[in-house]
Amino acid sequence: MAQNPRQLFLSLLEKEVQQANKLLAILSEEKTALNGKDPKYIEAIVDRKLVLVNSSQQLTKDRDNFLSKLKLPSGREGVEACLEKFAAKDEEIQSTWKALQEIARECQEQNFENEAIAKVNKEFVDKALNVLHGEPIHNQNIYTSKGAKSNSSRIKSLYKI
């Protein structure tokens, strides 16, 4: 038996909410992995995240195809037009859409936070590699072997080929 448009729309939104919740959980795991600095664990989390992102994109395409069949635009504009036109008084659809928006906002915030952690980790690794290769360090918090601040932006390499 085919679903009516209301049921189909609600089903699509519910699937997106489920997927977004999974993505939020992975982003939380990613934060833990980034703070733990275990490259293999980070790589495994990123691989799982990419699978979820791809799946989420497919769900968005499915929703956009549904909207297109109703002669509505894709994306947020189309969903809001659909809500206004067909589900203005449908609390279940309205609350599911609001939940999806909230989870998407949380995912975005967590992703920005993870990006900041990854950036700090990269800067730390870059500085460590510069020290190992004897390249200039542009940081005034470099100390000599005697514990005094160094006036030089160049230090001796710790690595010799």
C-alpha atoms as a PDB file:
ATOM      1  CA  MET A   1       0.000   0.000   0.000  1.00  0.00           C
ATOM      2  CA  ALA A   2       1.438   3.359  -1.020  1.00  0.00           C
ATOM      3  CA  GLN A   3       1.929   6.040   1.581  1.00  0.00           C
ATOM      4  CA  ASN A   4       0.001   9.258   1.292  1.00  0.00           C
ATOM      5  CA  PRO A   5       2.070  12.459   0.893  1.00  0.00           C
ATOM      6  CA  ARG A   6       1.778  13.320   4.584  1.00  0.00           C
ATOM      7  CA  GLN A   7       3.020   9.896   5.683  1.00  0.00           C
ATOM      8  CA  LEU A   8       5.830   9.959   3.133  1.00  0.00           C
ATOM      9  CA  PHE A   9       6.946  13.448   4.155  1.00  0.00           C
ATOM     10  CA  LEU A  10       6.898  12.526   7.845  1.00  0.00           C
ATOM     11  CA  SER A  11       8.804   9.319   7.118  1.00  0.00           C
ATOM     12  CA  LEU A  12      11.480  11.235   5.198  1.00  0.00           C
ATOM     13  CA  LEU A  13      11.888  13.761   8.013  1.00  0.00           C
ATOM     14  CA  GLU A  14      12.057  11.010  10.655  1.00  0.00           C
ATOM     15  CA  LYS A  15      14.789   9.204   8.716  1.00  0.00           C
ATOM     16  CA  GLU A  16      16.750  12.451   8.525  1.00  0.00           C
ATOM     17  CA  VAL A  17      16.349  12.979  12.285  1.00  0.00           C
ATOM     18  CA  GLN A  18      17.645   9.452  12.952  1.00  0.00           C
ATOM     19  CA  GLN A  19      20.610  10.007  10.643  1.00  0.00           C
ATOM     20  CA  ALA A  20      21.378  13.411  12.167  1.00  0.00           C
ATOM     21  CA  ASN A  21      21.354  11.892  15.662  1.00  0.00           C
ATOM     22  CA  LYS A  22      23.840   9.249  14.522  1.00  0.00           C
ATOM     23  CA  LEU A  23      26.016  11.974  13.020  1.00  0.00           C
ATOM     24  CA  LEU A  24      25.895  13.986  16.254  1.00  0.00           C
ATOM     25  CA  ALA A  25      27.030  10.892  18.187  1.00  0.00           C
ATOM     26  CA  ILE A  26      29.923  10.350  15.750  1.00  0.00           C
ATOM     27  CA  LEU A  27      30.928  14.011  16.045  1.00  0.00           C
ATOM     28  CA  SER A  28      31.056  13.593  19.815  1.00  0.00           C
ATOM     29  CA  GLU A  29      33.234  10.497  19.383  1.00  0.00           C
ATOM     30  CA  GLU A  30      35.399  12.457  16.966  1.00  0.00           C
ATOM     31  CA  LYS A  31      35.985  15.119  19.626  1.00  0.00           C
ATOM     32  CA  THR A  32      37.110  12.430  22.061  1.00  0.00           C
ATOM     33  CA  ALA A  33      39.378  10.930  19.395  1.00  0.00           C
ATOM     34  CA  LEU A  34      40.905  14.305  18.532  1.00  0.00           C
ATOM     35  CA  ASN A  35      41.641  14.991  22.189  1.00  0.00           C
ATOM     36  CA  GLY A  36      43.124  11.502  22.580  1.00  0.00           C
ATOM     37  CA  LYS A  37      45.388  12.032  19.578  1.00  0.00           C
ATOM     38  CA  ASP A  38      45.275   8.373  18.441  1.00  0.00           C
ATOM     39  CA  PRO A  39      45.634   8.610  14.629  1.00  0.00           C
ATOM     40  CA  LYS A  40      44.103   5.181  13.912  1.00  0.00           C
ATOM     41  CA  TYR A  41      41.072   5.920  16.092  1.00  0.00           C
ATOM     42  CA  ILE A  42      40.659   9.339  14.472  1.00  0.00           C
ATOM     43  CA  GLU A  43      40.846   7.761  11.012  1.00  0.00           C
ATOM     44  CA  ALA A  44      38.231   5.137  11.927  1.00  0.00           C
ATOM     45  CA  ILE A  45      35.874   7.829  13.257  1.00  0.00           C
ATOM     46  CA  VAL A  46      36.342   9.985  10.150  1.00  0.00           C
ATOM     47  CA  ASP A  47      35.574   6.982   7.923  1.00  0.00           C
ATOM     48  CA  ARG A  48      32.354   6.302   9.854  1.00  0.00           C
ATOM     49  CA  LYS A  49      31.469   9.996   9.711  1.00  0.00           C
ATOM     50  CA  LEU A  50      31.904  10.074   5.935  1.00  0.00           C
ATOM     51  CA  VAL A  51      29.541   7.116   5.524  1.00  0.00           C
ATOM     52  CA  LEU A  52      26.920   8.934   7.597  1.00  0.00           C
ATOM     53  CA  VAL A  53      27.397  12.188   5.700  1.00  0.00           C
ATOM     54  CA  ASN A  54      26.936  10.397   2.379  1.00  0.00           C
ATOM     55  CA  SER A  55      23.827   8.662   3.679  1.00  0.00           C
ATOM     56  CA  SER A  56      22.468  11.991   4.961  1.00  0.00           C
ATOM     57  CA  GLN A  57      23.035  13.559   1.564  1.00  0.00           C
ATOM     58  CA  GLN A  58      21.026  10.760  -0.036  1.00  0.00           C
ATOM     59  CA  LEU A  59      18.166  11.347   2.392  1.00  0.00           C
ATOM     60  CA  THR A  60      18.235  15.046   1.513  1.00  0.00           C
ATOM     61  CA  LYS A  61      18.033  14.140  -2.190  1.00  0.00           C
ATOM     62  CA  ASP A  62      15.073  11.859  -1.458  1.00  0.00           C
ATOM     63  CA  ARG A  63      13.318  14.700   0.367  1.00  0.00           C
ATOM     64  CA  ASP A  64      14.102  17.135  -2.456  1.00  0.00           C
ATOM     65  CA  ASN A  65      12.682  14.644  -5.003  1.00  0.00           C
ATOM     66  CA  PHE A  66       9.511  14.425  -2.920  1.00  0.00           C
ATOM     67  CA  LEU A  67       9.250  18.226  -2.856  1.00  0.00           C
ATOM     68  CA  SER A  68       9.850  18.389  -6.594  1.00  0.00           C
ATOM     69  CA  LYS A  69       6.900  16.044  -7.213  1.00  0.00           C
ATOM     70  CA  LEU A  70       4.768  18.513  -5.271  1.00  0.00           C
ATOM     71  CA  LYS A  71       6.115  21.319  -7.507  1.00  0.00           C
ATOM     72  CA  LEU A  72       7.962  22.870  -4.557  1.00  0.00           C
ATOM     73  CA  PRO A  73      11.550  24.115  -4.449  1.00  0.00           C
ATOM     74  CA  SER A  74      14.254  21.978  -2.882  1.00  0.00           C
ATOM     75  CA  GLY A  75      15.966  22.549   0.436  1.00  0.00           C
ATOM     76  CA  ARG A  76      14.780  24.489   3.426  1.00  0.00           C
ATOM     77  CA  GLU A  77      12.618  26.769   1.275  1.00  0.00           C
ATOM     78  CA  GLY A  78      10.731  23.791  -0.112  1.00  0.00           C
ATOM     79  CA  VAL A  79      10.272  22.157   3.285  1.00  0.00           C
ATOM     80  CA  GLU A  80       8.896  25.378   4.735  1.00  0.00           C
ATOM     81  CA  ALA A  81       6.552  25.781   1.740  1.00  0.00           C
ATOM     82  CA  CYS A  82       5.417  22.189   2.194  1.00  0.00           C
ATOM     83  CA  LEU A  83       4.857  22.739   5.899  1.00  0.00           C
ATOM     84  CA  GLU A  84       2.834  25.864   5.197  1.00  0.00           C
ATOM     85  CA  LYS A  85       0.812  24.329   2.388  1.00  0.00           C
ATOM     86  CA  PHE A  86       0.143  20.819   3.668  1.00  0.00           C
ATOM     87  CA  ALA A  87       1.114  20.546   7.306  1.00  0.00           C
ATOM     88  CA  ALA A  88       0.473  23.932   8.916  1.00  0.00           C
ATOM     89  CA  LYS A  89      -1.591  22.316  11.669  1.00  0.00           C
ATOM     90  CA  ASP A  90       0.218  18.972  11.749  1.00  0.00           C
ATOM     91  CA  GLU A  91       2.079  19.051  15.065  1.00  0.00           C
ATOM     92  CA  GLU A  92       3.882  15.775  14.420  1.00  0.00           C
ATOM     93  CA  ILE A  93       5.452  16.991  11.178  1.00  0.00           C
ATOM     94  CA  GLN A  94       6.132  20.452  12.612  1.00  0.00           C
ATOM     95  CA  SER A  95       7.890  19.042  15.685  1.00  0.00           C
ATOM     96  CA  THR A  96       9.887  16.554  13.586  1.00  0.00           C
ATOM     97  CA  TRP A  97      11.105  19.375  11.332  1.00  0.00           C
ATOM     98  CA  LYS A  98      12.028  21.495  14.378  1.00  0.00           C
ATOM     99  CA  ALA A  99      13.893  18.535  15.885  1.00  0.00           C
ATOM    100  CA  LEU A 100      15.821  18.063  12.638  1.00  0.00           C
ATOM    101  CA  GLN A 101      16.779  21.746  12.569  1.00  0.00           C
ATOM    102  CA  GLU A 102      17.939  21.618  16.203  1.00  0.00           C
ATOM    103  CA  ILE A 103      20.026  18.483  15.702  1.00  0.00           C
ATOM    104  CA  ALA A 104      21.544  19.973  12.539  1.00  0.00           C
ATOM    105  CA  ARG A 105      22.487  23.088  14.535  1.00  0.00           C
ATOM    106  CA  GLU A 106      24.088  20.915  17.230  1.00  0.00           C
ATOM    107  CA  CYS A 107      25.998  18.966  14.572  1.00  0.00           C
ATOM    108  CA  GLN A 108      27.267  22.205  13.069  1.00  0.00           C
ATOM    109  CA  GLU A 109      28.433  23.486  16.470  1.00  0.00           C
ATOM    110  CA  GLN A 110      30.162  20.190  17.303  1.00  0.00           C
ATOM    111  CA  ASN A 111      31.800  20.105  13.880  1.00  0.00           C
ATOM    112  CA  PHE A 112      33.155  23.661  14.361  1.00  0.00           C
ATOM    113  CA  GLU A 113      34.497  22.652  17.781  1.00  0.00           C
ATOM    114  CA  ASN A 114      36.152  19.540  16.316  1.00  0.00           C
ATOM    115  CA  GLU A 115      37.639  21.633  13.528  1.00  0.00           C
ATOM    116  CA  ALA A 116      39.181  23.984  16.094  1.00  0.00           C
ATOM    117  CA  ILE A 117      40.685  21.043  18.012  1.00  0.00           C
ATOM    118  CA  ALA A 118      42.074  19.573  14.783  1.00  0.00           C
ATOM    119  CA  LYS A 119      43.583  22.952  13.864  1.00  0.00           C
ATOM    120  CA  VAL A 120      45.330  23.280  17.234  1.00  0.00           C
ATOM    121  CA  ASN A 121      46.614  19.701  16.932  1.00  0.00           C
ATOM    122  CA  LYS A 122      47.936  20.437  13.432  1.00  0.00           C
ATOM    123  CA  GLU A 123      49.685  23.613  14.610  1.00  0.00           C
ATOM    124  CA  PHE A 124      51.310  21.645  17.430  1.00  0.00           C
ATOM    125  CA  VAL A 125      52.523  18.952  15.020  1.00  0.00           C
ATOM    126  CA  ASP A 126      53.782  21.578  12.564  1.00  0.00           C
ATOM    127  CA  LYS A 127      55.771  23.306  15.314  1.00  0.00           C
ATOM    128  CA  ALA A 128      57.197  20.011  16.508  1.00  0.00           C
ATOM    129  CA  LEU A 129      58.285  19.148  12.969  1.00  0.00           C
ATOM    130  CA  ASN A 130      59.872  22.582  12.609  1.00  0.00           C
ATOM    131  CA  VAL A 131      61.883  21.947  15.771  1.00  0.00           C
ATOM    132  CA  LEU A 132      62.976  18.549  14.505  1.00  0.00           C
ATOM    133  CA  HIS A 133      64.101  20.026  11.192  1.00  0.00           C
ATOM    134  CA  GLY A 134      65.695  23.141  12.669  1.00  0.00           C
ATOM    135  CA  GLU A 135      63.341  25.458  10.823  1.00  0.00           C
ATOM    136  CA  PRO A 136      62.444  28.908  12.169  1.00  0.00           C
ATOM    137  CA  ILE A 137      59.928  28.965  14.966  1.00  0.00           C
ATOM    138  CA  HIS A 138      57.772  32.066  15.091  1.00  0.00           C
ATOM    139  CA  ASN A 139      56.997  31.869  18.757  1.00  0.00           C
ATOM    140  CA  GLN A 140      58.516  33.868  21.553  1.00  0.00           C
ATOM    141  CA  ASN A 141      58.026  31.035  24.058  1.00  0.00           C
ATOM    142  CA  ILE A 142      61.169  29.126  23.061  1.00  0.00           C
ATOM    143  CA  TYR A 143      63.655  28.429  25.827  1.00  0.00           C
ATOM    144  CA  THR A 144      67.351  27.602  25.776  1.00  0.00           C
ATOM    145  CA  SER A 145      68.833  24.525  27.415  1.00  0.00           C
ATOM    146  CA  LYS A 146      69.490  26.725  30.478  1.00  0.00           C
ATOM    147  CA  GLY A 147      65.812  27.685  30.794  1.00  0.00           C
ATOM    148  CA  ALA A 148      66.129  31.277  29.571  1.00  0.00           C
ATOM    149  CA  LYS A 149      63.999  32.675  26.778  1.00  0.00           C
ATOM    150  CA  SER A 150      65.735  32.456  23.453  1.00  0.00           C
ATOM    151  CA  ASN A 151      66.158  35.620  21.399  1.00  0.00           C
ATOM    152  CA  SER A 152      66.650  33.566  18.251  1.00  0.00           C
ATOM    153  CA  SER A 153      63.812  32.368  16.097  1.00  0.00           C
ATOM    154  CA  ARG A 154      66.109  29.619  14.822  1.00  0.00           C
ATOM    155  CA  ILE A 155      67.135  26.654  16.888  1.00  0.00           C
ATOM    156  CA  LYS A 156      69.325  23.685  16.211  1.00  0.00           C
ATOM    157  CA  SER A 157      67.749  20.691  14.574  1.00  0.00           C
ATOM    158  CA  LEU A 158      67.096  17.669  16.743  1.00  0.00           C
ATOM    159  CA  TYR A 159      67.184  15.441  13.689  1.00  0.00           C
ATOM    160  CA  LYS A 160      70.217  14.800  11.481  1.00  0.00           C
ATOM    161  CA  ILE A 161      70.117  12.756   8.320  1.00  0.00           C
END
